[in-house]
Amino acid sequence: MTKIKLFFSLFAIVWPSIVCAQLKIQLLDQDNQPVSQAVISIPSETVSNPPAQEAVMDQINRQFVPHVLTINRGQFVSFPNGDNIRHHVYSFSNPKSFEIKLYRGTPTSPGLFDKPGIVILGCNIHDHMVGYIYVADNEMTAVTDENGMVALNAQAPDEIKIWHSRLSESADKIISKPLEKKNDKGVWQVTTNLQPLIIKQPRKFKARFK
């Protein structure tokens, strides 16, 4: 085998491991407990055009599902109502202010989310219903699981961006944290402070809202 062929053979073996290296991150709070439903993001030059397929923010058992939805800037989102009661979905957030008045089933037209940032969703009938849409702008994103973990196919950056609904009272704050600490399993561990958890109790309504 010539030196040139040997070089390209070795390159073919090494290159996939460089491109597809898995970056594992665990997010912990000030009490060293895992933080779920947080968005971890890193800059990405490859994420530029929104996917053609629209994203879905459903409403099931009087909750937004998923609780946190990540999309790319310029992507459409539909809001089907999977419950057998009506909902009134709205948002006052700067990236996307909108309202879908009392309805069942699926609205005819999905909404366009063309500005990056955090969109906080509510239901005008059920105060306890809160959901979040993270609109990314050339970012690679992932939502932490119940163990506070994400896995991204990327090389480790100097720092990451973090969003969680309890990072601030306004629920729209995004912070940056350096990657400094790895555990013995090769997982980067990042710690952040969270606001106290406030649980809204469901309200009871008359039959006219069903």
Protein backbone atom coordinates (compact mmCIF):
# COMPACT_ATOMS: atom_id res chain seq x y z
CA MET A 1 0.00 0.00 0.00
CA THR A 2 1.37 3.43 -0.95
CA LYS A 3 1.81 6.19 1.61
CA ILE A 4 -1.07 8.16 0.05
CA LYS A 5 -3.47 5.21 0.25
CA LEU A 6 -2.36 4.52 3.81
CA PHE A 7 -3.00 8.16 4.77
CA PHE A 8 -6.56 8.15 3.39
CA SER A 9 -7.28 4.77 5.00
CA LEU A 10 -6.25 6.11 8.39
CA PHE A 11 -8.14 9.36 7.72
CA ALA A 12 -11.34 7.42 6.97
CA ILE A 13 -11.00 5.64 10.31
CA VAL A 14 -10.26 8.73 12.38
CA TRP A 15 -12.62 11.21 10.66
CA PRO A 16 -15.96 9.67 11.78
CA SER A 17 -14.78 9.67 15.38
CA ILE A 18 -13.95 13.37 15.07
CA VAL A 19 -17.25 14.31 13.45
CA CYS A 20 -19.47 12.12 15.62
CA ALA A 21 -17.70 12.52 18.95
CA GLN A 22 -20.36 12.41 21.66
CA LEU A 23 -20.32 15.25 24.13
CA LYS A 24 -21.99 14.22 27.40
CA ILE A 25 -23.03 16.89 29.89
CA GLN A 26 -24.81 16.64 33.23
CA LEU A 27 -26.49 19.69 34.76
CA LEU A 28 -26.71 19.90 38.57
CA ASP A 29 -28.31 22.46 40.87
CA GLN A 30 -26.88 24.14 43.96
CA ASP A 31 -27.81 21.06 46.03
CA ASN A 32 -25.95 18.77 43.63
CA GLN A 33 -29.24 17.37 42.31
CA PRO A 34 -29.80 16.67 38.59
CA VAL A 35 -31.73 19.31 36.67
CA SER A 36 -34.23 18.00 34.14
CA GLN A 37 -36.10 19.97 31.45
CA ALA A 38 -33.17 22.32 30.86
CA VAL A 39 -31.87 23.24 27.41
CA ILE A 40 -28.15 22.86 26.79
CA SER A 41 -26.90 24.52 23.62
CA ILE A 42 -23.64 25.15 21.80
CA PRO A 43 -22.94 27.23 18.67
CA SER A 44 -23.14 25.29 15.41
CA GLU A 45 -22.29 26.40 11.89
CA THR A 46 -24.16 23.42 10.41
CA VAL A 47 -27.57 24.32 11.90
CA SER A 48 -28.85 27.11 9.68
CA ASN A 49 -32.02 26.14 7.81
CA PRO A 50 -35.14 25.07 9.72
CA PRO A 51 -36.40 21.54 8.98
CA ALA A 52 -39.33 21.30 6.60
CA GLN A 53 -41.33 19.25 9.10
CA GLU A 54 -43.31 21.34 11.57
CA ALA A 55 -42.84 20.83 15.30
CA VAL A 56 -45.73 19.88 17.59
CA MET A 57 -46.68 21.28 20.99
CA ASP A 58 -49.60 19.14 22.14
CA GLN A 59 -51.99 19.55 25.07
CA ILE A 60 -52.60 16.32 26.98
CA ASN A 61 -54.14 15.89 30.43
CA ARG A 62 -54.19 19.67 30.80
CA GLN A 63 -50.45 19.96 30.27
CA PHE A 64 -48.30 21.12 27.39
CA VAL A 65 -46.50 18.13 25.85
CA PRO A 66 -43.57 18.30 25.64
CA HIS A 67 -43.05 20.65 28.57
CA VAL A 68 -39.99 22.07 26.76
CA LEU A 69 -39.82 22.05 22.97
CA THR A 70 -36.67 23.03 21.07
CA ILE A 71 -36.95 24.25 17.48
CA ASN A 72 -34.85 26.18 14.97
CA ARG A 73 -35.53 29.78 14.04
CA GLY A 74 -37.90 29.85 11.08
CA GLN A 75 -39.66 26.61 11.99
CA PHE A 76 -43.44 26.19 12.15
CA VAL A 77 -45.19 24.82 15.26
CA SER A 78 -48.68 23.34 15.47
CA PHE A 79 -50.74 23.27 18.67
CA PRO A 80 -53.13 20.31 18.61
CA ASN A 81 -55.48 19.93 21.55
CA GLY A 82 -55.37 16.26 22.57
CA ASP A 83 -57.81 16.79 25.45
CA ASN A 84 -61.58 16.43 25.31
CA ILE A 85 -61.95 19.95 26.70
CA ARG A 86 -61.17 23.31 25.14
CA HIS A 87 -57.97 25.25 25.70
CA HIS A 88 -57.03 28.88 25.06
CA VAL A 89 -53.31 29.01 24.25
CA TYR A 90 -51.38 32.27 24.34
CA SER A 91 -47.94 33.83 24.74
CA PHE A 92 -46.81 37.36 25.56
CA SER A 93 -43.13 36.59 24.90
CA ASN A 94 -41.14 38.93 22.64
CA PRO A 95 -39.95 36.23 20.20
CA LYS A 96 -43.54 35.18 19.50
CA SER A 97 -46.68 36.85 20.84
CA PHE A 98 -49.87 35.08 19.78
CA GLU A 99 -53.24 33.76 20.87
CA ILE A 100 -55.33 30.74 19.89
CA LYS A 101 -58.76 31.28 21.41
CA LEU A 102 -60.92 28.52 22.90
CA TYR A 103 -60.67 25.49 20.63
CA ARG A 104 -60.65 21.73 20.33
CA GLY A 105 -58.77 19.58 17.84
CA THR A 106 -56.02 21.14 15.73
CA PRO A 107 -55.90 24.76 14.52
CA THR A 108 -55.86 24.96 10.75
CA SER A 109 -52.56 26.85 10.48
CA PRO A 110 -49.30 26.27 12.40
CA GLY A 111 -47.45 29.31 13.72
CA LEU A 112 -44.14 30.57 12.35
CA PHE A 113 -41.41 31.14 14.95
CA ASP A 114 -38.89 33.36 13.18
CA LYS A 115 -37.17 35.05 16.13
CA PRO A 116 -34.74 33.29 18.51
CA GLY A 117 -35.39 33.21 22.23
CA ILE A 118 -37.70 31.72 24.84
CA VAL A 119 -41.45 31.58 24.21
CA ILE A 120 -43.48 31.01 27.37
CA LEU A 121 -46.88 29.40 26.78
CA GLY A 122 -49.97 29.56 28.94
CA CYS A 123 -53.63 28.61 28.84
CA ASN A 124 -56.16 31.32 29.61
CA ILE A 125 -58.47 28.71 31.11
CA HIS A 126 -56.03 26.55 33.07
CA ASP A 127 -53.50 28.68 34.98
CA HIS A 128 -51.34 25.72 35.94
CA MET A 129 -50.62 24.94 32.28
CA VAL A 130 -47.20 26.33 31.36
CA GLY A 131 -44.97 25.26 28.50
CA TYR A 132 -41.82 26.56 26.84
CA ILE A 133 -40.47 26.75 23.29
CA TYR A 134 -36.75 27.34 22.89
CA VAL A 135 -36.17 28.90 19.47
CA ALA A 136 -32.52 28.26 18.58
CA ASP A 137 -30.45 30.38 16.22
CA ASN A 138 -27.58 28.37 14.70
CA GLU A 139 -27.28 26.30 17.84
CA MET A 140 -27.11 22.59 18.57
CA THR A 141 -29.58 21.94 21.40
CA ALA A 142 -30.72 19.15 23.69
CA VAL A 143 -33.11 18.92 26.65
CA THR A 144 -31.79 17.32 29.84
CA ASP A 145 -33.42 14.08 30.98
CA GLU A 146 -34.42 13.10 34.54
CA ASN A 147 -30.73 12.60 35.35
CA GLY A 148 -29.82 16.06 34.08
CA MET A 149 -28.03 14.50 31.11
CA VAL A 150 -27.68 15.43 27.45
CA ALA A 151 -25.58 13.92 24.67
CA LEU A 152 -24.58 16.00 21.65
CA ASN A 153 -22.60 14.90 18.61
CA ALA A 154 -19.98 17.60 18.92
CA GLN A 155 -16.55 18.42 20.23
CA ALA A 156 -16.41 19.98 23.69
CA PRO A 157 -16.56 23.82 23.45
CA ASP A 158 -15.03 26.20 25.96
CA GLU A 159 -18.48 27.02 27.31
CA ILE A 160 -22.13 26.10 26.90
CA LYS A 161 -25.40 27.99 27.09
CA ILE A 162 -28.04 26.92 29.59
CA TRP A 163 -31.73 27.73 29.85
CA HIS A 164 -34.13 26.55 32.54
CA SER A 165 -37.45 27.99 33.66
CA ARG A 166 -36.09 28.44 37.19
CA LEU A 167 -32.90 30.29 36.31
CA SER A 168 -34.81 33.54 36.87
CA GLU A 169 -38.23 34.75 37.93
CA SER A 170 -38.97 35.80 34.36
CA ALA A 171 -38.18 32.24 33.09
CA ASP A 172 -36.53 33.57 29.91
CA LYS A 173 -32.92 33.94 31.08
CA ILE A 174 -30.11 32.15 29.21
CA ILE A 175 -26.70 31.90 30.86
CA SER A 176 -23.24 30.73 29.79
CA LYS A 177 -21.11 28.29 31.78
CA PRO A 178 -17.58 26.99 31.09
CA LEU A 179 -16.87 23.28 30.75
CA GLU A 180 -14.30 22.69 33.48
CA LYS A 181 -15.09 19.48 35.38
CA LYS A 182 -15.30 15.91 34.08
CA ASN A 183 -16.24 12.87 36.18
CA ASP A 184 -14.62 9.44 35.97
CA LYS A 185 -17.14 8.41 33.28
CA GLY A 186 -16.09 11.19 30.93
CA VAL A 187 -19.20 13.31 31.59
CA TRP A 188 -18.81 17.07 31.90
CA GLN A 189 -20.61 18.25 35.05
CA VAL A 190 -21.94 21.80 35.28
CA THR A 191 -23.58 23.35 38.34
CA THR A 192 -26.03 26.27 38.37
CA ASN A 193 -28.35 27.94 40.87
CA LEU A 194 -32.12 27.60 40.48
CA GLN A 195 -35.02 29.60 41.89
CA PRO A 196 -37.36 27.81 44.37
CA LEU A 197 -40.01 25.64 42.75
CA ILE A 198 -43.52 27.12 42.74
CA ILE A 199 -46.38 24.75 41.91
CA LYS A 200 -49.62 26.23 40.62
CA GLN A 201 -52.72 24.31 41.61
CA PRO A 202 -55.35 23.58 38.92
CA ARG A 203 -58.49 25.69 39.05
CA LYS A 204 -61.96 24.22 38.70
CA PHE A 205 -64.23 25.67 36.05
CA LYS A 206 -67.86 25.39 35.16
CA ALA A 207 -69.12 23.13 32.38
CA ARG A 208 -69.18 25.95 29.80
CA PHE A 209 -65.40 25.62 29.41
CA LYS A 210 -65.58 21.94 28.39
